[in-house]
Amino acid sequence: MGALDSLSDYISDLVTVHGKRKKRKVMQTVEIKVKMDCDGCERKVKNAVSSMKGVKSVEVNRKKSYVSVSGYVEPKKVLNKVKSTGKRAEFWPYVPYNLVAYPYVAQAYDKKAPSGYVKEAVQALPSPNAVDEKFVTFFSDENPNACSIM
């Protein structure tokens, strides 16, 4: 199969339709959060997604309410296909805990997140023209570590 795939890719690169080449889709993994209650729901979602063109593998985890689709697909089309089964679906907003730079901010935690996962929250950065507090209080009388020269 590998030789046939590479040969067909080579020929499709050589042959152009009206001087324009088709934009090739990229292999990617789409993760979607879907509420599934039973085996029937799981089977319905899996069959709907696996029937799409370009899908290589479908992984369904009913315990986490999670569907992972790998292949040459567009995320919006996969989401719409899952929604067409009658299930409420959204993109998986969670990342593994160890991949987030600073997961201790309040917005990162969610009651719906599975264990070991947090939401990727944007970390607030100080504005560049804000005066650092340590320089303002350096000569203050209330600061016990203030300059003793004064």
Protein backbone atom coordinates (compact mmCIF):
# COMPACT_ATOMS: atom_id res chain seq x y z
CA MET A 1 0.00 0.00 0.00
CA GLY A 2 2.83 2.41 0.73
CA ALA A 3 4.16 2.32 -2.85
CA LEU A 4 0.71 2.89 -4.33
CA ASP A 5 0.03 5.82 -2.00
CA SER A 6 3.33 7.51 -2.82
CA LEU A 7 2.81 6.90 -6.55
CA SER A 8 -0.69 8.39 -6.47
CA ASP A 9 0.63 11.41 -4.52
CA TYR A 10 3.38 11.88 -7.11
CA ILE A 11 0.95 11.69 -10.02
CA SER A 12 -1.53 14.04 -8.36
CA ASP A 13 1.29 16.55 -7.86
CA LEU A 14 2.19 16.34 -11.56
CA VAL A 15 -1.35 16.60 -12.88
CA THR A 16 -3.01 19.93 -12.29
CA VAL A 17 -6.59 20.86 -13.04
CA HIS A 18 -6.77 24.14 -14.98
CA GLY A 19 -3.37 25.17 -13.64
CA LYS A 20 -4.51 25.10 -10.01
CA ARG A 21 -3.58 22.55 -7.42
CA LYS A 22 -5.93 21.37 -4.76
CA LYS A 23 -5.05 22.32 -1.23
CA ARG A 24 -4.11 19.15 0.62
CA LYS A 25 -5.57 18.49 4.02
CA VAL A 26 -3.23 17.92 6.93
CA MET A 27 -3.25 14.83 9.13
CA GLN A 28 -4.59 15.96 12.49
CA THR A 29 -6.35 14.78 15.61
CA VAL A 30 -9.68 16.36 16.54
CA GLU A 31 -10.87 15.95 20.12
CA ILE A 32 -14.54 16.48 20.90
CA LYS A 33 -16.50 16.39 24.14
CA VAL A 34 -19.80 14.51 23.67
CA LYS A 35 -22.20 13.38 26.38
CA MET A 36 -22.85 9.66 25.84
CA ASP A 37 -25.07 7.62 28.16
CA CYS A 38 -25.18 4.14 26.68
CA ASP A 39 -23.61 1.77 24.18
CA GLY A 40 -26.09 2.88 21.53
CA CYS A 41 -25.03 6.51 21.83
CA GLU A 42 -21.39 5.49 21.63
CA ARG A 43 -22.00 3.33 18.55
CA LYS A 44 -24.07 6.04 16.84
CA VAL A 45 -21.33 8.67 17.28
CA LYS A 46 -18.56 6.28 16.25
CA ASN A 47 -20.39 5.12 13.10
CA ALA A 48 -21.24 8.69 12.08
CA VAL A 49 -17.66 9.91 12.41
CA SER A 50 -16.01 6.83 10.92
CA SER A 51 -18.16 7.15 7.78
CA MET A 52 -16.54 10.51 6.99
CA LYS A 53 -14.02 10.70 4.17
CA GLY A 54 -10.42 10.99 5.36
CA VAL A 55 -10.93 9.50 8.84
CA LYS A 56 -8.17 7.06 9.79
CA SER A 57 -9.12 6.19 13.38
CA VAL A 58 -11.89 6.93 15.86
CA GLU A 59 -11.41 6.55 19.60
CA VAL A 60 -14.44 6.82 21.90
CA ASN A 61 -14.20 7.04 25.69
CA ARG A 62 -17.68 7.03 27.21
CA LYS A 63 -16.37 7.42 30.75
CA LYS A 64 -14.74 10.77 29.92
CA SER A 65 -17.42 11.73 27.34
CA TYR A 66 -14.67 12.09 24.80
CA VAL A 67 -14.20 11.31 21.08
CA SER A 68 -10.84 11.49 19.33
CA VAL A 69 -10.75 11.45 15.52
CA SER A 70 -7.49 11.13 13.59
CA GLY A 71 -7.17 11.64 9.87
CA TYR A 72 -7.26 14.12 7.04
CA VAL A 73 -10.35 15.94 8.29
CA GLU A 74 -11.46 19.45 9.14
CA PRO A 75 -12.40 20.00 12.81
CA LYS A 76 -15.59 21.95 12.00
CA LYS A 77 -16.88 19.18 9.74
CA VAL A 78 -16.23 16.55 12.40
CA LEU A 79 -18.03 18.66 15.00
CA ASN A 80 -21.02 19.13 12.68
CA LYS A 81 -21.12 15.39 11.93
CA VAL A 82 -21.21 14.57 15.65
CA LYS A 83 -23.92 17.19 16.20
CA SER A 84 -25.96 15.62 13.40
CA THR A 85 -26.38 12.51 15.58
CA GLY A 86 -28.49 14.59 17.97
CA LYS A 87 -25.81 14.85 20.65
CA ARG A 88 -24.60 18.13 22.07
CA ALA A 89 -20.91 18.41 21.21
CA GLU A 90 -18.09 20.90 21.64
CA PHE A 91 -14.36 20.87 21.09
CA TRP A 92 -12.38 19.28 23.93
CA PRO A 93 -11.14 22.31 25.92
CA TYR A 94 -8.90 20.43 28.30
CA VAL A 95 -5.16 19.84 28.18
CA PRO A 96 -3.09 17.51 30.35
CA TYR A 97 -2.10 19.09 33.66
CA ASN A 98 1.63 18.82 33.02
CA LEU A 99 1.47 20.71 29.70
CA VAL A 100 0.09 23.94 31.19
CA ALA A 101 2.80 26.39 32.24
CA TYR A 102 1.02 27.71 35.33
CA PRO A 103 -2.08 25.61 36.16
CA TYR A 104 -2.60 27.24 39.55
CA VAL A 105 -4.76 30.13 38.34
CA ALA A 106 -8.44 29.98 39.26
CA GLN A 107 -9.71 29.85 35.66
CA ALA A 108 -7.78 26.63 34.94
CA TYR A 109 -9.92 24.43 37.17
CA ASP A 110 -13.30 23.20 36.09
CA LYS A 111 -15.68 20.82 37.85
CA LYS A 112 -16.39 19.07 34.55
CA ALA A 113 -12.73 18.42 33.76
CA PRO A 114 -11.59 14.84 34.17
CA SER A 115 -8.86 14.10 36.66
CA GLY A 116 -5.43 15.06 35.39
CA TYR A 117 -6.83 17.68 32.99
CA VAL A 118 -7.28 21.45 33.36
CA LYS A 119 -8.48 24.23 31.09
CA GLU A 120 -5.72 26.18 29.43
CA ALA A 121 -6.12 29.61 30.99
CA VAL A 122 -4.40 32.71 29.72
CA GLN A 123 -1.94 33.93 32.30
CA ALA A 124 -2.25 37.60 33.17
CA LEU A 125 0.97 39.48 32.49
CA PRO A 126 1.80 42.80 34.15
CA SER A 127 1.56 45.84 31.91
CA PRO A 128 4.96 47.12 30.75
CA ASN A 129 4.42 50.67 32.05
CA ALA A 130 3.32 49.61 35.55
CA VAL A 131 5.79 50.61 38.23
CA ASP A 132 7.06 47.66 40.18
CA GLU A 133 5.84 47.70 43.76
CA LYS A 134 9.22 46.78 45.19
CA PHE A 135 10.76 49.99 43.80
CA VAL A 136 7.95 52.17 45.18
CA THR A 137 8.18 50.71 48.69
CA PHE A 138 11.96 50.53 48.75
CA PHE A 139 12.31 53.79 50.72
CA SER A 140 9.00 53.49 52.60
CA ASP A 141 8.92 53.73 56.40
CA GLU A 142 6.55 50.74 56.62
CA ASN A 143 8.97 48.47 54.79
CA PRO A 144 11.18 46.58 57.30
CA ASN A 145 13.75 45.94 54.57
CA ALA A 146 13.90 49.60 53.53
CA CYS A 147 17.10 51.44 52.87
CA SER A 148 18.81 52.32 56.13
CA ILE A 149 20.70 55.30 54.67
CA MET A 150 17.69 57.56 55.10
